[in-house]
Amino acid sequence: MLASRNAKVDMILCCGYDHKCPRRKPSGGMLREALAHYHVAPADTPFVGDQADDLKAAFHAGCKRVLVRTGLGSKTLAEGLPQYLSPVAVHDDLAAVVSAQLAGKL
């Protein structure tokens, strides 16, 4: 399906450990690997998620933190986020995040 739209997956990272591991969320290990692979600066990279652990991984990797209200996002927001994760941009869904990024508002 991706190929029919001239898109491709460049890389897939996963962590198979079921215990604490520097690659596993909320640690930022796999995210740092991806940043290094693509030679991008963490501070210029938004990381989108719907759970606190997503935002924690982004924090540990030094990325911009973006929460979407879809999925578990509304529940995550209602439960409150740790202060150290601020600032966190909040958007209704992934399409809104893309629009904000393209408009230079992330």
PDB file of N, CA and C in Angstrom:
ATOM      1  N   MET A   1       0.824  -1.178   0.000  1.00  0.00           N
ATOM      2  CA  MET A   1       0.000   0.000   0.000  1.00  0.00           C
ATOM      3  C   MET A   1       0.881   1.260   0.000  1.00  0.00           C
ATOM      4  N   LEU A   2       1.944   1.256   0.794  1.00  0.00           N
ATOM      5  CA  LEU A   2       2.844   2.408   0.808  1.00  0.00           C
ATOM      6  C   LEU A   2       3.500   2.612  -0.547  1.00  0.00           C
ATOM      7  N   ALA A   3       3.970   1.543  -1.142  1.00  0.00           N
ATOM      8  CA  ALA A   3       4.653   1.634  -2.431  1.00  0.00           C
ATOM      9  C   ALA A   3       3.735   2.206  -3.508  1.00  0.00           C
ATOM     10  N   SER A   4       2.453   1.880  -3.460  1.00  0.00           N
ATOM     11  CA  SER A   4       1.516   2.396  -4.454  1.00  0.00           C
ATOM     12  C   SER A   4       1.353   3.904  -4.356  1.00  0.00           C
ATOM     13  N   ARG A   5       1.783   4.471  -3.232  1.00  0.00           N
ATOM     14  CA  ARG A   5       1.717   5.929  -3.026  1.00  0.00           C
ATOM     15  C   ARG A   5       3.118   6.544  -2.975  1.00  0.00           C
ATOM     16  N   ASN A   6       4.095   5.794  -3.503  1.00  0.00           N
ATOM     17  CA  ASN A   6       5.493   6.236  -3.548  1.00  0.00           C
ATOM     18  C   ASN A   6       6.065   6.541  -2.165  1.00  0.00           C
ATOM     19  N   ALA A   7       5.652   5.784  -1.191  1.00  0.00           N
ATOM     20  CA  ALA A   7       6.166   5.928   0.174  1.00  0.00           C
ATOM     21  C   ALA A   7       6.858   4.632   0.566  1.00  0.00           C
ATOM     22  N   LYS A   8       7.747   4.730   1.543  1.00  0.00           N
ATOM     23  CA  LYS A   8       8.436   3.540   2.017  1.00  0.00           C
ATOM     24  C   LYS A   8       8.791   3.692   3.489  1.00  0.00           C
ATOM     25  N   VAL A   9       9.031   2.587   4.129  1.00  0.00           N
ATOM     26  CA  VAL A   9       9.495   2.573   5.512  1.00  0.00           C
ATOM     27  C   VAL A   9      11.010   2.468   5.464  1.00  0.00           C
ATOM     28  N   ASP A  10      11.690   3.454   6.032  1.00  0.00           N
ATOM     29  CA  ASP A  10      13.155   3.458   6.015  1.00  0.00           C
ATOM     30  C   ASP A  10      13.758   2.619   7.125  1.00  0.00           C
ATOM     31  N   MET A  11      13.088   2.579   8.256  1.00  0.00           N
ATOM     32  CA  MET A  11      13.699   1.902   9.400  1.00  0.00           C
ATOM     33  C   MET A  11      12.612   1.545  10.408  1.00  0.00           C
ATOM     34  N   ILE A  12      12.755   0.392  11.026  1.00  0.00           N
ATOM     35  CA  ILE A  12      11.884  -0.029  12.118  1.00  0.00           C
ATOM     36  C   ILE A  12      12.777  -0.380  13.292  1.00  0.00           C
ATOM     37  N   LEU A  13      12.490   0.194  14.440  1.00  0.00           N
ATOM     38  CA  LEU A  13      13.217  -0.120  15.668  1.00  0.00           C
ATOM     39  C   LEU A  13      12.251  -0.754  16.658  1.00  0.00           C
ATOM     40  N   CYS A  14      12.726  -1.725  17.388  1.00  0.00           N
ATOM     41  CA  CYS A  14      11.894  -2.317  18.429  1.00  0.00           C
ATOM     42  C   CYS A  14      12.794  -2.807  19.561  1.00  0.00           C
ATOM     43  N   CYS A  15      12.174  -2.945  20.720  1.00  0.00           N
ATOM     44  CA  CYS A  15      12.885  -3.460  21.886  1.00  0.00           C
ATOM     45  C   CYS A  15      12.107  -4.662  22.399  1.00  0.00           C
ATOM     46  N   GLY A  16      12.720  -5.819  22.369  1.00  0.00           N
ATOM     47  CA  GLY A  16      12.051  -7.042  22.776  1.00  0.00           C
ATOM     48  C   GLY A  16      12.178  -7.383  24.250  1.00  0.00           C
ATOM     49  N   TYR A  17      12.855  -6.517  25.003  1.00  0.00           N
ATOM     50  CA  TYR A  17      13.028  -6.808  26.424  1.00  0.00           C
ATOM     51  C   TYR A  17      11.757  -6.500  27.188  1.00  0.00           C
ATOM     52  N   ASP A  18      11.421  -7.349  28.143  1.00  0.00           N
ATOM     53  CA  ASP A  18      10.228  -7.109  28.950  1.00  0.00           C
ATOM     54  C   ASP A  18      10.584  -6.494  30.296  1.00  0.00           C
ATOM     55  N   HIS A  19      11.803  -6.066  30.449  1.00  0.00           N
ATOM     56  CA  HIS A  19      12.241  -5.420  31.690  1.00  0.00           C
ATOM     57  C   HIS A  19      12.892  -4.080  31.353  1.00  0.00           C
ATOM     58  N   LYS A  20      13.276  -3.356  32.370  1.00  0.00           N
ATOM     59  CA  LYS A  20      13.873  -2.044  32.155  1.00  0.00           C
ATOM     60  C   LYS A  20      15.107  -2.169  31.263  1.00  0.00           C
ATOM     61  N   CYS A  21      15.134  -1.353  30.234  1.00  0.00           N
ATOM     62  CA  CYS A  21      16.216  -1.375  29.248  1.00  0.00           C
ATOM     63  C   CYS A  21      16.387   0.052  28.738  1.00  0.00           C
ATOM     64  N   PRO A  22      17.615   0.501  28.485  1.00  0.00           N
ATOM     65  CA  PRO A  22      17.820   1.874  28.007  1.00  0.00           C
ATOM     66  C   PRO A  22      17.203   2.152  26.634  1.00  0.00           C
ATOM     67  N   ARG A  23      16.834   1.109  25.919  1.00  0.00           N
ATOM     68  CA  ARG A  23      16.200   1.297  24.610  1.00  0.00           C
ATOM     69  C   ARG A  23      14.684   1.390  24.720  1.00  0.00           C
ATOM     70  N   ARG A  24      14.129   0.932  25.813  1.00  0.00           N
ATOM     71  CA  ARG A  24      12.679   0.809  25.967  1.00  0.00           C
ATOM     72  C   ARG A  24      12.080   2.083  26.570  1.00  0.00           C
ATOM     73  N   LYS A  25      10.896   2.496  26.074  1.00  0.00           N
ATOM     74  CA  LYS A  25      10.208   3.636  26.679  1.00  0.00           C
ATOM     75  C   LYS A  25       9.942   3.337  28.147  1.00  0.00           C
ATOM     76  N   PRO A  26      10.054   4.306  29.029  1.00  0.00           N
ATOM     77  CA  PRO A  26      10.179   5.731  28.788  1.00  0.00           C
ATOM     78  C   PRO A  26      11.604   6.225  28.593  1.00  0.00           C
ATOM     79  N   SER A  27      12.578   5.343  28.552  1.00  0.00           N
ATOM     80  CA  SER A  27      13.934   5.777  28.201  1.00  0.00           C
ATOM     81  C   SER A  27      13.938   6.211  26.738  1.00  0.00           C
ATOM     82  N   GLY A  28      14.917   6.961  26.344  1.00  0.00           N
ATOM     83  CA  GLY A  28      14.940   7.485  24.976  1.00  0.00           C
ATOM     84  C   GLY A  28      15.921   6.800  24.057  1.00  0.00           C
ATOM     85  N   GLY A  29      16.353   5.580  24.398  1.00  0.00           N
ATOM     86  CA  GLY A  29      17.404   4.905  23.632  1.00  0.00           C
ATOM     87  C   GLY A  29      17.105   4.708  22.163  1.00  0.00           C
ATOM     88  N   MET A  30      15.962   4.127  21.840  1.00  0.00           N
ATOM     89  CA  MET A  30      15.649   3.895  20.424  1.00  0.00           C
ATOM     90  C   MET A  30      15.434   5.204  19.680  1.00  0.00           C
ATOM     91  N   LEU A  31      14.874   6.173  20.362  1.00  0.00           N
ATOM     92  CA  LEU A  31      14.681   7.474  19.742  1.00  0.00           C
ATOM     93  C   LEU A  31      16.033   8.127  19.438  1.00  0.00           C
ATOM     94  N   ARG A  32      16.981   8.028  20.369  1.00  0.00           N
ATOM     95  CA  ARG A  32      18.328   8.562  20.107  1.00  0.00           C
ATOM     96  C   ARG A  32      18.993   7.830  18.948  1.00  0.00           C
ATOM     97  N   GLU A  33      18.766   6.513  18.844  1.00  0.00           N
ATOM     98  CA  GLU A  33      19.309   5.749  17.711  1.00  0.00           C
ATOM     99  C   GLU A  33      18.771   6.288  16.385  1.00  0.00           C
ATOM    100  N   ALA A  34      17.475   6.542  16.335  1.00  0.00           N
ATOM    101  CA  ALA A  34      16.860   7.050  15.105  1.00  0.00           C
ATOM    102  C   ALA A  34      17.384   8.442  14.772  1.00  0.00           C
ATOM    103  N   LEU A  35      17.514   9.293  15.778  1.00  0.00           N
ATOM    104  CA  LEU A  35      18.041  10.644  15.557  1.00  0.00           C
ATOM    105  C   LEU A  35      19.455  10.587  14.986  1.00  0.00           C
ATOM    106  N   ALA A  36      20.284   9.719  15.550  1.00  0.00           N
ATOM    107  CA  ALA A  36      21.660   9.572  15.065  1.00  0.00           C
ATOM    108  C   ALA A  36      21.682   9.018  13.638  1.00  0.00           C
ATOM    109  N   HIS A  37      20.838   8.037  13.371  1.00  0.00           N
ATOM    110  CA  HIS A  37      20.778   7.418  12.043  1.00  0.00           C
ATOM    111  C   HIS A  37      20.449   8.453  10.970  1.00  0.00           C
ATOM    112  N   TYR A  38      19.509   9.350  11.278  1.00  0.00           N
ATOM    113  CA  TYR A  38      19.074  10.344  10.299  1.00  0.00           C
ATOM    114  C   TYR A  38      19.810  11.682  10.436  1.00  0.00           C
ATOM    115  N   HIS A  39      20.762  11.744  11.356  1.00  0.00           N
ATOM    116  CA  HIS A  39      21.575  12.952  11.551  1.00  0.00           C
ATOM    117  C   HIS A  39      20.710  14.191  11.779  1.00  0.00           C
ATOM    118  N   VAL A  40      19.763  14.066  12.700  1.00  0.00           N
ATOM    119  CA  VAL A  40      18.893  15.198  13.028  1.00  0.00           C
ATOM    120  C   VAL A  40      19.088  15.589  14.490  1.00  0.00           C
ATOM    121  N   ALA A  41      18.908  16.857  14.751  1.00  0.00           N
ATOM    122  CA  ALA A  41      19.056  17.379  16.106  1.00  0.00           C
ATOM    123  C   ALA A  41      17.784  17.119  16.907  1.00  0.00           C
ATOM    124  N   PRO A  42      17.921  16.595  18.107  1.00  0.00           N
ATOM    125  CA  PRO A  42      16.743  16.335  18.933  1.00  0.00           C
ATOM    126  C   PRO A  42      15.876  17.577  19.138  1.00  0.00           C
ATOM    127  N   ALA A  43      16.496  18.720  19.369  1.00  0.00           N
ATOM    128  CA  ALA A  43      15.736  19.947  19.638  1.00  0.00           C
ATOM    129  C   ALA A  43      14.880  20.376  18.446  1.00  0.00           C
ATOM    130  N   ASP A  44      15.213  19.893  17.248  1.00  0.00           N
ATOM    131  CA  ASP A  44      14.449  20.230  16.044  1.00  0.00           C
ATOM    132  C   ASP A  44      13.420  19.154  15.699  1.00  0.00           C
ATOM    133  N   THR A  45      13.309  18.138  16.535  1.00  0.00           N
ATOM    134  CA  THR A  45      12.500  16.972  16.206  1.00  0.00           C
ATOM    135  C   THR A  45      11.306  16.831  17.135  1.00  0.00           C
ATOM    136  N   PRO A  46      10.078  16.982  16.620  1.00  0.00           N
ATOM    137  CA  PRO A  46       8.906  16.732  17.456  1.00  0.00           C
ATOM    138  C   PRO A  46       8.655  15.229  17.558  1.00  0.00           C
ATOM    139  N   PHE A  47       8.303  14.783  18.755  1.00  0.00           N
ATOM    140  CA  PHE A  47       7.956  13.379  18.975  1.00  0.00           C
ATOM    141  C   PHE A  47       6.512  13.345  19.427  1.00  0.00           C
ATOM    142  N   VAL A  48       5.674  12.656  18.678  1.00  0.00           N
ATOM    143  CA  VAL A  48       4.233  12.646  18.904  1.00  0.00           C
ATOM    144  C   VAL A  48       3.829  11.360  19.603  1.00  0.00           C
ATOM    145  N   GLY A  49       3.000  11.488  20.632  1.00  0.00           N
ATOM    146  CA  GLY A  49       2.503  10.316  21.336  1.00  0.00           C
ATOM    147  C   GLY A  49       1.180  10.601  22.011  1.00  0.00           C
ATOM    148  N   ASP A  50       0.601   9.547  22.578  1.00  0.00           N
ATOM    149  CA  ASP A  50      -0.672   9.690  23.276  1.00  0.00           C
ATOM    150  C   ASP A  50      -0.592   9.232  24.734  1.00  0.00           C
ATOM    151  N   GLN A  51       0.627   8.953  25.201  1.00  0.00           N
ATOM    152  CA  GLN A  51       0.820   8.480  26.569  1.00  0.00           C
ATOM    153  C   GLN A  51       1.976   9.225  27.228  1.00  0.00           C
ATOM    154  N   ALA A  52       1.952   9.249  28.542  1.00  0.00           N
ATOM    155  CA  ALA A  52       3.028   9.908  29.292  1.00  0.00           C
ATOM    156  C   ALA A  52       4.382   9.279  28.970  1.00  0.00           C
ATOM    157  N   ASP A  53       4.438   7.964  28.801  1.00  0.00           N
ATOM    158  CA  ASP A  53       5.716   7.308  28.486  1.00  0.00           C
ATOM    159  C   ASP A  53       6.290   7.781  27.150  1.00  0.00           C
ATOM    160  N   ASP A  54       5.424   8.121  26.196  1.00  0.00           N
ATOM    161  CA  ASP A  54       5.903   8.672  24.921  1.00  0.00           C
ATOM    162  C   ASP A  54       6.590  10.008  25.169  1.00  0.00           C
ATOM    163  N   LEU A  55       5.949  10.844  25.980  1.00  0.00           N
ATOM    164  CA  LEU A  55       6.506  12.166  26.268  1.00  0.00           C
ATOM    165  C   LEU A  55       7.779  12.058  27.098  1.00  0.00           C
ATOM    166  N   LYS A  56       7.834  11.084  27.983  1.00  0.00           N
ATOM    167  CA  LYS A  56       9.049  10.869  28.783  1.00  0.00           C
ATOM    168  C   LYS A  56      10.210  10.449  27.886  1.00  0.00           C
ATOM    169  N   ALA A  57       9.947   9.571  26.923  1.00  0.00           N
ATOM    170  CA  ALA A  57      11.004   9.161  25.986  1.00  0.00           C
ATOM    171  C   ALA A  57      11.501  10.362  25.191  1.00  0.00           C
ATOM    172  N   ALA A  58      10.572  11.205  24.742  1.00  0.00           N
ATOM    173  CA  ALA A  58      10.953  12.413  24.011  1.00  0.00           C
ATOM    174  C   ALA A  58      11.803  13.330  24.887  1.00  0.00           C
ATOM    175  N   PHE A  59      11.413  13.478  26.141  1.00  0.00           N
ATOM    176  CA  PHE A  59      12.169  14.304  27.084  1.00  0.00           C
ATOM    177  C   PHE A  59      13.589  13.765  27.251  1.00  0.00           C
ATOM    178  N   HIS A  60      13.707  12.467  27.476  1.00  0.00           N
ATOM    179  CA  HIS A  60      15.024  11.867  27.703  1.00  0.00           C
ATOM    180  C   HIS A  60      15.919  11.946  26.466  1.00  0.00           C
ATOM    181  N   ALA A  61      15.299  11.990  25.285  1.00  0.00           N
ATOM    182  CA  ALA A  61      16.081  12.110  24.048  1.00  0.00           C
ATOM    183  C   ALA A  61      16.325  13.573  23.669  1.00  0.00           C
ATOM    184  N   GLY A  62      15.656  14.498  24.344  1.00  0.00           N
ATOM    185  CA  GLY A  62      15.834  15.920  24.053  1.00  0.00           C
ATOM    186  C   GLY A  62      14.953  16.458  22.945  1.00  0.00           C
ATOM    187  N   CYS A  63      13.868  15.725  22.624  1.00  0.00           N
ATOM    188  CA  CYS A  63      12.967  16.137  21.543  1.00  0.00           C
ATOM    189  C   CYS A  63      11.822  17.010  22.056  1.00  0.00           C
ATOM    190  N   LYS A  64      11.211  17.723  21.116  1.00  0.00           N
ATOM    191  CA  LYS A  64       9.982  18.452  21.415  1.00  0.00           C
ATOM    192  C   LYS A  64       8.896  17.428  21.727  1.00  0.00           C
ATOM    193  N   ARG A  65       8.056  17.743  22.708  1.00  0.00           N
ATOM    194  CA  ARG A  65       7.022  16.812  23.131  1.00  0.00           C
ATOM    195  C   ARG A  65       5.656  17.254  22.622  1.00  0.00           C
ATOM    196  N   VAL A  66       4.956  16.316  21.951  1.00  0.00           N
ATOM    197  CA  VAL A  66       3.646  16.604  21.378  1.00  0.00           C
ATOM    198  C   VAL A  66       2.687  15.493  21.797  1.00  0.00           C
ATOM    199  N   LEU A  67       1.569  15.889  22.383  1.00  0.00           N
ATOM    200  CA  LEU A  67       0.541  14.936  22.805  1.00  0.00           C
ATOM    201  C   LEU A  67      -0.671  15.098  21.899  1.00  0.00           C
ATOM    202  N   VAL A  68      -1.190  13.989  21.385  1.00  0.00           N
ATOM    203  CA  VAL A  68      -2.442  14.014  20.631  1.00  0.00           C
ATOM    204  C   VAL A  68      -3.554  13.510  21.528  1.00  0.00           C
ATOM    205  N   ARG A  69      -4.735  14.097  21.376  1.00  0.00           N
ATOM    206  CA  ARG A  69      -5.887  13.714  22.208  1.00  0.00           C
ATOM    207  C   ARG A  69      -6.509  12.389  21.771  1.00  0.00           C
ATOM    208  N   THR A  70      -6.167  11.912  20.572  1.00  0.00           N
ATOM    209  CA  THR A  70      -6.701  10.643  20.094  1.00  0.00           C
ATOM    210  C   THR A  70      -6.057   9.493  20.864  1.00  0.00           C
ATOM    211  N   GLY A  71      -6.563   8.288  20.677  1.00  0.00           N
ATOM    212  CA  GLY A  71      -6.029   7.130  21.396  1.00  0.00           C
ATOM    213  C   GLY A  71      -6.204   7.335  22.888  1.00  0.00           C
ATOM    214  N   LEU A  72      -5.105   7.253  23.627  1.00  0.00           N
ATOM    215  CA  LEU A  72      -5.127   7.439  25.078  1.00  0.00           C
ATOM    216  C   LEU A  72      -4.829   8.875  25.492  1.00  0.00           C
ATOM    217  N   GLY A  73      -4.686   9.770  24.510  1.00  0.00           N
ATOM    218  CA  GLY A  73      -4.251  11.128  24.791  1.00  0.00           C
ATOM    219  C   GLY A  73      -5.159  11.923  25.708  1.00  0.00           C
ATOM    220  N   SER A  74      -6.460  11.862  25.500  1.00  0.00           N
ATOM    221  CA  SER A  74      -7.386  12.606  26.368  1.00  0.00           C
ATOM    222  C   SER A  74      -7.309  12.108  27.801  1.00  0.00           C
ATOM    223  N   LYS A  75      -7.221  10.805  27.964  1.00  0.00           N
ATOM    224  CA  LYS A  75      -7.095  10.225  29.307  1.00  0.00           C
ATOM    225  C   LYS A  75      -5.769  10.647  29.939  1.00  0.00           C
ATOM    226  N   THR A  76      -4.706  10.604  29.156  1.00  0.00           N
ATOM    227  CA  THR A  76      -3.386  11.010  29.651  1.00  0.00           C
ATOM    228  C   THR A  76      -3.409  12.461  30.107  1.00  0.00           C
ATOM    229  N   LEU A  77      -4.027  13.305  29.332  1.00  0.00           N
ATOM    230  CA  LEU A  77      -4.115  14.727  29.660  1.00  0.00           C
ATOM    231  C   LEU A  77      -4.942  14.938  30.926  1.00  0.00           C
ATOM    232  N   ALA A  78      -6.049  14.216  31.055  1.00  0.00           N
ATOM    233  CA  ALA A  78      -6.911  14.348  32.228  1.00  0.00           C
ATOM    234  C   ALA A  78      -6.207  13.886  33.505  1.00  0.00           C
ATOM    235  N   GLU A  79      -5.356  12.893  33.385  1.00  0.00           N
ATOM    236  CA  GLU A  79      -4.611  12.386  34.550  1.00  0.00           C
ATOM    237  C   GLU A  79      -3.500  13.342  34.967  1.00  0.00           C
ATOM    238  N   GLY A  80      -3.107  14.232  34.074  1.00  0.00           N
ATOM    239  CA  GLY A  80      -2.056  15.201  34.366  1.00  0.00           C
ATOM    240  C   GLY A  80      -0.686  14.675  33.993  1.00  0.00           C
ATOM    241  N   LEU A  81       0.163  15.590  33.606  1.00  0.00           N
ATOM    242  CA  LEU A  81       1.521  15.245  33.198  1.00  0.00           C
ATOM    243  C   LEU A  81       2.515  15.773  34.213  1.00  0.00           C
ATOM    244  N   PRO A  82       3.613  15.056  34.420  1.00  0.00           N
ATOM    245  CA  PRO A  82       4.648  15.577  35.312  1.00  0.00           C
ATOM    246  C   PRO A  82       5.155  16.930  34.814  1.00  0.00           C
ATOM    247  N   GLN A  83       5.382  17.837  35.719  1.00  0.00           N
ATOM    248  CA  GLN A  83       5.816  19.196  35.379  1.00  0.00           C
ATOM    249  C   GLN A  83       7.106  19.203  34.557  1.00  0.00           C
ATOM    250  N   TYR A  84       8.019  18.264  34.830  1.00  0.00           N
ATOM    251  CA  TYR A  84       9.308  18.285  34.132  1.00  0.00           C
ATOM    252  C   TYR A  84       9.178  18.048  32.630  1.00  0.00           C
ATOM    253  N   LEU A  85       8.036  17.540  32.176  1.00  0.00           N
ATOM    254  CA  LEU A  85       7.845  17.300  30.749  1.00  0.00           C
ATOM    255  C   LEU A  85       7.507  18.575  29.977  1.00  0.00           C
ATOM    256  N   SER A  86       7.156  19.634  30.674  1.00  0.00           N
ATOM    257  CA  SER A  86       6.784  20.890  30.012  1.00  0.00           C
ATOM    258  C   SER A  86       7.982  21.474  29.273  1.00  0.00           C
ATOM    259  N   PRO A  87       7.729  22.098  28.141  1.00  0.00           N
ATOM    260  CA  PRO A  87       6.436  22.314  27.518  1.00  0.00           C
ATOM    261  C   PRO A  87       6.000  21.111  26.682  1.00  0.00           C
ATOM    262  N   VAL A  88       4.688  20.925  26.611  1.00  0.00           N
ATOM    263  CA  VAL A  88       4.090  19.880  25.786  1.00  0.00           C
ATOM    264  C   VAL A  88       3.051  20.541  24.896  1.00  0.00           C
ATOM    265  N   ALA A  89       3.200  20.396  23.593  1.00  0.00           N
ATOM    266  CA  ALA A  89       2.179  20.887  22.657  1.00  0.00           C
ATOM    267  C   ALA A  89       1.066  19.844  22.614  1.00  0.00           C
ATOM    268  N   VAL A  90      -0.173  20.287  22.639  1.00  0.00           N
ATOM    269  CA  VAL A  90      -1.318  19.378  22.619  1.00  0.00           C
ATOM    270  C   VAL A  90      -2.158  19.681  21.385  1.00  0.00           C
ATOM    271  N   HIS A  91      -2.455  18.626  20.622  1.00  0.00           N
ATOM    272  CA  HIS A  91      -3.260  18.758  19.403  1.00  0.00           C
ATOM    273  C   HIS A  91      -4.331  17.678  19.386  1.00  0.00           C
ATOM    274  N   ASP A  92      -5.407  17.945  18.643  1.00  0.00           N
ATOM    275  CA  ASP A  92      -6.526  17.004  18.595  1.00  0.00           C
ATOM    276  C   ASP A  92      -6.147  15.662  17.979  1.00  0.00           C
ATOM    277  N   ASP A  93      -5.341  15.682  16.919  1.00  0.00           N
ATOM    278  CA  ASP A  93      -4.984  14.447  16.228  1.00  0.00           C
ATOM    279  C   ASP A  93      -3.704  14.657  15.422  1.00  0.00           C
ATOM    280  N   LEU A  94      -3.268  13.604  14.759  1.00  0.00           N
ATOM    281  CA  LEU A  94      -2.020  13.671  14.002  1.00  0.00           C
ATOM    282  C   LEU A  94      -2.114  14.671  12.854  1.00  0.00           C
ATOM    283  N   ALA A  95      -3.262  14.783  12.218  1.00  0.00           N
ATOM    284  CA  ALA A  95      -3.416  15.748  11.127  1.00  0.00           C
ATOM    285  C   ALA A  95      -3.191  17.177  11.644  1.00  0.00           C
ATOM    286  N   ALA A  96      -3.665  17.472  12.831  1.00  0.00           N
ATOM    287  CA  ALA A  96      -3.461  18.798  13.419  1.00  0.00           C
ATOM    288  C   ALA A  96      -1.988  19.032  13.742  1.00  0.00           C
ATOM    289  N   VAL A  97      -1.281  17.989  14.151  1.00  0.00           N
ATOM    290  CA  VAL A  97       0.160  18.103  14.418  1.00  0.00           C
ATOM    291  C   VAL A  97       0.895  18.420  13.120  1.00  0.00           C
ATOM    292  N   VAL A  98       0.560  17.710  12.054  1.00  0.00           N
ATOM    293  CA  VAL A  98       1.209  17.947  10.759  1.00  0.00           C
ATOM    294  C   VAL A  98       0.939  19.367  10.293  1.00  0.00           C
ATOM    295  N   SER A  99      -0.290  19.836  10.429  1.00  0.00           N
ATOM    296  CA  SER A  99      -0.623  21.211  10.030  1.00  0.00           C
ATOM    297  C   SER A  99       0.194  22.221  10.826  1.00  0.00           C
ATOM    298  N   ALA A 100       0.318  22.002  12.139  1.00  0.00           N
ATOM    299  CA  ALA A 100       1.099  22.909  12.984  1.00  0.00           C
ATOM    300  C   ALA A 100       2.576  22.889  12.576  1.00  0.00           C
ATOM    301  N   GLN A 101       3.101  21.696  12.287  1.00  0.00           N
ATOM    302  CA  GLN A 101       4.507  21.580  11.878  1.00  0.00           C
ATOM    303  C   GLN A 101       4.739  22.308  10.551  1.00  0.00           C
ATOM    304  N   LEU A 102       3.857  22.107   9.585  1.00  0.00           N
ATOM    305  CA  LEU A 102       4.008  22.750   8.289  1.00  0.00           C
ATOM    306  C   LEU A 102       3.860  24.264   8.379  1.00  0.00           C
ATOM    307  N   ALA A 103       3.101  24.741   9.362  1.00  0.00           N
ATOM    308  CA  ALA A 103       2.918  26.173   9.561  1.00  0.00           C
ATOM    309  C   ALA A 103       4.023  26.779  10.418  1.00  0.00           C
ATOM    310  N   GLY A 104       4.984  25.932  10.861  1.00  0.00           N
ATOM    311  CA  GLY A 104       6.083  26.414  11.683  1.00  0.00           C
ATOM    312  C   GLY A 104       5.675  26.729  13.113  1.00  0.00           C
ATOM    313  N   LYS A 105       4.607  26.091  13.591  1.00  0.00           N
ATOM    314  CA  LYS A 105       4.101  26.378  14.936  1.00  0.00           C
ATOM    315  C   LYS A 105       4.426  25.288  15.949  1.00  0.00           C
ATOM    316  N   LEU A 106       5.341  24.409  15.621  1.00  0.00           N
ATOM    317  CA  LEU A 106       5.744  23.378  16.583  1.00  0.00           C
ATOM    318  C   LEU A 106       7.142  23.653  17.061  1.00  0.00           C
TER     319      LEU A 106
END
